[in-house]
Protein backbone atom coordinates (compact mmCIF):
# COMPACT_ATOMS: atom_id res chain seq x y z
CA MET A 1 0.00 0.00 0.00
CA LYS A 2 1.34 3.39 -0.97
CA ILE A 3 1.25 6.10 1.64
CA LYS A 4 0.29 9.49 0.24
CA ASN A 5 2.61 12.20 1.38
CA GLY A 6 1.08 15.52 2.41
CA PHE A 7 1.84 18.63 4.40
CA THR A 8 1.53 18.45 8.12
CA LEU A 9 -0.40 21.15 9.96
CA ALA A 10 2.86 22.58 11.23
CA GLU A 11 4.25 22.82 7.70
CA VAL A 12 1.09 24.53 6.45
CA LEU A 13 1.22 27.06 9.28
CA ILE A 14 4.90 27.77 8.60
CA THR A 15 4.19 28.26 4.89
CA LEU A 16 1.30 30.60 5.61
CA GLY A 17 3.48 32.51 8.03
CA ILE A 18 6.17 32.97 5.39
CA ILE A 19 3.58 34.14 2.86
CA GLY A 20 2.24 36.62 5.42
CA ILE A 21 5.70 37.99 6.12
CA VAL A 22 6.47 38.42 2.42
CA ALA A 23 3.11 40.13 1.87
CA ALA A 24 3.70 42.45 4.81
CA MET A 25 7.09 43.39 3.38
CA THR A 26 5.94 43.99 -0.18
CA LEU A 27 2.41 45.38 0.25
CA PRO A 28 3.47 48.87 1.45
CA SER A 29 5.70 49.20 -1.60
CA VAL A 30 2.88 48.13 -3.92
CA ILE A 31 0.49 50.64 -2.32
CA ALA A 32 3.06 53.43 -2.52
CA ASP A 33 3.69 52.71 -6.21
CA TYR A 34 -0.04 52.80 -6.89
CA LYS A 35 -0.42 56.14 -5.11
CA LYS A 36 2.49 57.59 -7.07
CA LYS A 37 0.51 56.91 -10.23
CA GLU A 38 -2.97 57.76 -8.93
CA ILE A 39 -2.27 61.06 -7.15
CA PRO A 40 -0.84 63.02 -10.12
CA VAL A 41 -3.80 61.96 -12.27
CA ARG A 42 -6.27 63.18 -9.64
CA LEU A 43 -4.39 66.43 -9.11
CA MET A 44 -4.18 67.16 -12.82
CA LYS A 45 -7.89 66.42 -13.20
CA PHE A 46 -8.83 68.88 -10.44
CA TYR A 47 -6.46 71.51 -11.81
CA SER A 48 -7.82 71.33 -15.35
CA THR A 49 -11.45 71.04 -14.21
CA MET A 50 -11.28 74.17 -12.09
CA GLN A 51 -9.31 76.18 -14.64
CA ASN A 52 -11.84 75.30 -17.34
CA ALA A 53 -14.71 76.32 -15.06
CA ILE A 54 -13.03 79.64 -14.30
CA ASN A 55 -12.40 80.29 -18.00
CA LYS A 56 -16.06 79.63 -18.82
CA ALA A 57 -17.23 81.83 -15.94
CA THR A 58 -15.21 84.78 -17.23
CA VAL A 59 -17.10 84.58 -20.52
CA ASP A 60 -20.42 84.99 -18.70
CA HIS A 61 -19.38 87.21 -15.79
CA GLY A 62 -16.42 89.20 -17.06
CA PRO A 63 -12.86 89.45 -15.67
CA VAL A 64 -12.27 87.69 -12.35
CA GLU A 65 -11.10 90.86 -10.60
CA TYR A 66 -14.64 92.22 -10.86
CA TRP A 67 -16.41 89.17 -9.47
CA ASN A 68 -18.33 89.50 -6.21
CA PHE A 69 -15.86 87.82 -3.86
CA PRO A 70 -16.65 87.07 -0.20
CA THR A 71 -15.66 89.98 2.04
CA GLN A 72 -14.81 87.64 4.93
CA GLN A 73 -12.52 84.62 4.71
CA SER A 74 -14.61 82.28 6.87
CA ASP A 75 -18.15 83.27 5.95
CA PHE A 76 -20.08 80.17 4.88
CA GLU A 77 -22.95 81.94 3.16
CA GLN A 78 -20.78 84.39 1.22
CA MET A 79 -18.46 81.66 -0.04
CA ASN A 80 -21.32 79.36 -0.95
CA ASP A 81 -23.07 82.16 -2.84
CA PHE A 82 -19.83 82.84 -4.71
CA VAL A 83 -19.44 79.19 -5.72
CA ASN A 84 -23.09 78.89 -6.76
CA ILE A 85 -22.73 81.87 -9.08
CA TYR A 86 -19.25 81.50 -10.53
CA LEU A 87 -18.34 77.78 -10.37
CA PHE A 88 -21.33 75.45 -9.98
CA PRO A 89 -22.83 76.18 -13.41
CA TYR A 90 -19.58 75.09 -15.07
CA LEU A 91 -18.89 71.92 -13.04
CA THR A 92 -20.50 68.49 -13.19
CA GLY A 93 -20.80 65.80 -10.53
CA ILE A 94 -20.45 68.25 -7.64
CA LYS A 95 -22.54 69.15 -4.59
CA GLU A 96 -22.17 71.17 -1.40
CA CYS A 97 -21.75 68.80 1.54
CA ASN A 98 -24.60 70.20 3.64
CA SER A 99 -27.01 69.21 0.88
CA THR A 100 -26.48 65.60 2.04
CA GLY A 101 -28.30 66.46 5.27
CA ASN A 102 -25.53 64.91 7.36
CA SER A 103 -23.86 67.67 9.36
CA ALA A 104 -21.60 65.27 11.29
CA PHE A 105 -20.31 63.86 8.01
CA CYS A 106 -19.55 67.37 6.74
CA THR A 107 -17.82 68.39 9.97
CA LYS A 108 -15.59 65.32 9.69
CA ILE A 109 -14.62 66.20 6.13
CA ARG A 110 -14.00 69.82 7.10
CA ARG A 111 -11.75 68.63 9.91
CA ASN A 112 -9.93 66.17 7.64
CA LEU A 113 -9.14 68.95 5.18
CA ASN A 114 -7.14 70.66 7.93
CA GLU A 115 -5.45 67.59 9.44
CA GLY A 116 -7.95 67.21 12.25
CA ASN A 117 -8.50 70.89 13.05
CA VAL A 118 -11.53 73.05 12.33
CA THR A 119 -10.56 76.71 12.24
CA GLY A 120 -13.60 78.03 10.43
CA TYR A 121 -16.95 77.05 9.03
CA LEU A 122 -16.40 77.07 5.30
CA PRO A 123 -18.49 75.07 2.84
CA VAL A 124 -17.08 71.79 1.57
CA TYR A 125 -17.75 70.57 -1.95
CA LEU A 126 -17.89 66.92 -2.97
CA PHE A 127 -17.12 65.51 -6.41
CA SER A 128 -18.71 62.27 -7.56
CA ASP A 129 -15.24 60.69 -7.90
CA GLY A 130 -14.76 60.80 -4.10
CA SER A 131 -12.61 63.92 -3.95
CA CYS A 132 -13.53 67.14 -2.16
CA PHE A 133 -12.33 70.69 -1.63
CA THR A 134 -12.91 73.89 0.27
CA MET A 135 -11.93 77.47 -0.49
CA THR A 136 -10.91 80.72 1.14
CA THR A 137 -10.05 84.18 -0.15
CA GLY A 138 -6.90 86.19 0.38
CA GLY A 139 -5.82 89.75 -0.39
CA ILE A 140 -8.85 90.63 -2.51
CA SER A 141 -8.89 94.16 -3.89
CA LEU A 142 -11.88 94.72 -6.17
CA GLY A 143 -10.83 95.69 -9.66
CA THR A 144 -7.13 95.11 -9.06
CA SER A 145 -5.81 91.81 -7.69
CA GLY A 146 -6.22 88.98 -5.21
CA ASN A 147 -6.13 85.25 -4.57
CA LEU A 148 -8.63 82.46 -4.12
CA HIS A 149 -7.21 79.44 -2.29
CA PHE A 150 -8.36 75.84 -2.79
CA THR A 151 -7.65 72.97 -0.40
CA PHE A 152 -8.18 69.69 -2.25
CA ASP A 153 -8.30 66.13 -0.89
CA TYR A 154 -8.22 63.57 -3.67
CA ASN A 155 -9.76 60.80 -1.53
CA CYS A 156 -11.76 62.94 0.92
CA LEU A 157 -12.69 60.62 3.82
CA GLY A 158 -9.88 58.21 2.99
CA LYS A 159 -6.73 58.29 5.10
CA PRO A 160 -4.17 59.62 5.85
CA ASN A 161 -5.67 63.15 5.64
CA LYS A 162 -2.21 64.70 5.59
CA PHE A 163 -0.88 67.60 3.56
CA ASP A 164 1.18 66.50 0.55
CA GLN A 165 0.04 62.89 0.96
CA ASP A 166 -3.61 63.26 0.02
CA ILE A 167 -4.29 66.96 0.67
CA PHE A 168 -2.89 69.62 -1.66
CA VAL A 169 -3.43 73.32 -2.25
CA PHE A 170 -4.00 75.45 -5.34
CA PHE A 171 -4.65 79.15 -5.75
CA LEU A 172 -6.28 81.37 -8.31
CA HIS A 173 -4.37 84.60 -8.83
CA PHE A 174 -5.77 87.53 -10.72
CA GLU A 175 -4.56 91.01 -11.61
CA ASN A 176 -6.18 93.82 -13.49
CA GLY A 177 -5.51 93.47 -17.20
CA LYS A 178 -4.22 89.89 -16.98
CA SER A 179 -6.01 86.58 -17.44
CA ALA A 180 -6.76 84.89 -14.13
CA LYS A 181 -4.75 81.72 -13.71
CA LEU A 182 -4.95 78.75 -11.38
CA TYR A 183 -1.61 77.69 -9.89
CA PRO A 184 -0.59 74.57 -7.99
CA GLY A 185 0.68 75.49 -4.51
CA ASN A 186 0.38 79.06 -3.25
CA TYR A 187 2.12 82.42 -3.53
CA VAL A 188 5.17 81.02 -1.67
CA THR A 189 5.96 78.49 -4.39
CA THR A 190 5.57 80.97 -7.25
CA ASP A 191 8.93 82.42 -6.22
CA LEU A 192 10.68 79.03 -6.46
CA LYS A 193 12.21 78.54 -9.89
CA THR A 194 14.35 75.39 -9.71
CA ARG A 195 13.51 71.79 -8.88
CA ASP A 196 15.95 71.82 -5.98
CA GLU A 197 14.11 74.78 -4.47
CA LEU A 198 10.73 73.10 -4.92
CA LEU A 199 11.99 69.84 -3.43
CA GLU A 200 13.49 71.61 -0.42
CA SER A 201 10.25 73.50 0.17
CA CYS A 202 8.32 70.24 -0.09
CA LYS A 203 10.59 68.49 2.42
CA ASN A 204 10.23 71.31 4.94
CA HIS A 205 6.50 71.91 4.54
CA TYR A 206 5.82 71.67 8.28
CA SER A 207 8.42 74.31 9.14
CA ASP A 208 6.12 77.02 7.79
CA GLU A 209 2.32 77.01 7.68
CA HIS A 210 2.41 78.52 4.20
CA HIS A 211 4.30 75.55 2.74
CA LYS A 212 1.70 72.90 3.64
CA GLY A 213 0.17 71.22 0.63
CA THR A 214 2.48 72.94 -1.82
CA CYS A 215 4.33 69.80 -2.93
CA VAL A 216 1.85 69.73 -5.80
CA THR A 217 4.06 72.39 -7.39
CA LEU A 218 6.93 69.89 -7.46
CA ILE A 219 4.64 67.24 -8.93
CA GLN A 220 3.60 69.62 -11.70
CA TYR A 221 7.22 70.63 -12.34
CA ASP A 222 8.05 66.96 -12.86
CA GLY A 223 5.43 66.70 -15.59
CA TRP A 224 2.63 65.64 -13.25
CA GLU A 225 4.65 62.73 -11.92
CA ILE A 226 5.79 61.73 -8.45
CA LYS A 227 9.48 60.92 -8.61
CA ASP A 228 11.34 58.52 -6.33
CA ASP A 229 12.74 61.36 -4.21
CA TYR A 230 9.27 62.67 -3.30
CA PRO A 231 9.50 62.86 0.50
CA TRP A 232 5.95 62.08 1.65
CA LEU A 233 5.06 58.70 0.11
């Protein structure tokens, strides 16, 4: 009689343990590689979507410097009125979070967009692809110049809810007589001209509040790619 050889329970458990160890070692790398491909695509999509909406709005409402901007940075109603007039008609698959009727859900998103802190009560806007953003104004001078700042989270409720990992900033700058343009980053990164300067700013983003989320400028500089020396993935 032939005896069929098979794995003992101990051998099976050892094999499964080895598989688990290998998976634990390789899975973070696989996830990081996936994010390096996904994030630039989502950032570029938001950038082009918002710029196109702004361009269309200027056709209907005139130059950006003459738009009716909120007079207070953290005024929910003023900002929401602004978005309803100048952006909503030119965007698809978007809604203001409070329209869901779930205030706790919206508060959580608002907190996530600022790494767990809520410093104001600004409206949050949700895209159908799972991303979200909020906005604030800065240095507005009617008829001359100013900025409109966007904080964008490409996976919204998904973790880690950290600047330059899934949260990035953009800003719309406008001046009298010039076409309004949306920029990745903020006014700090517009002064950085070389890749080394952008990379250094990205590495030190927590040393200055104004550098948070601005690593998107480096990603754009690299042709909307995340290179191997990107410090936050």
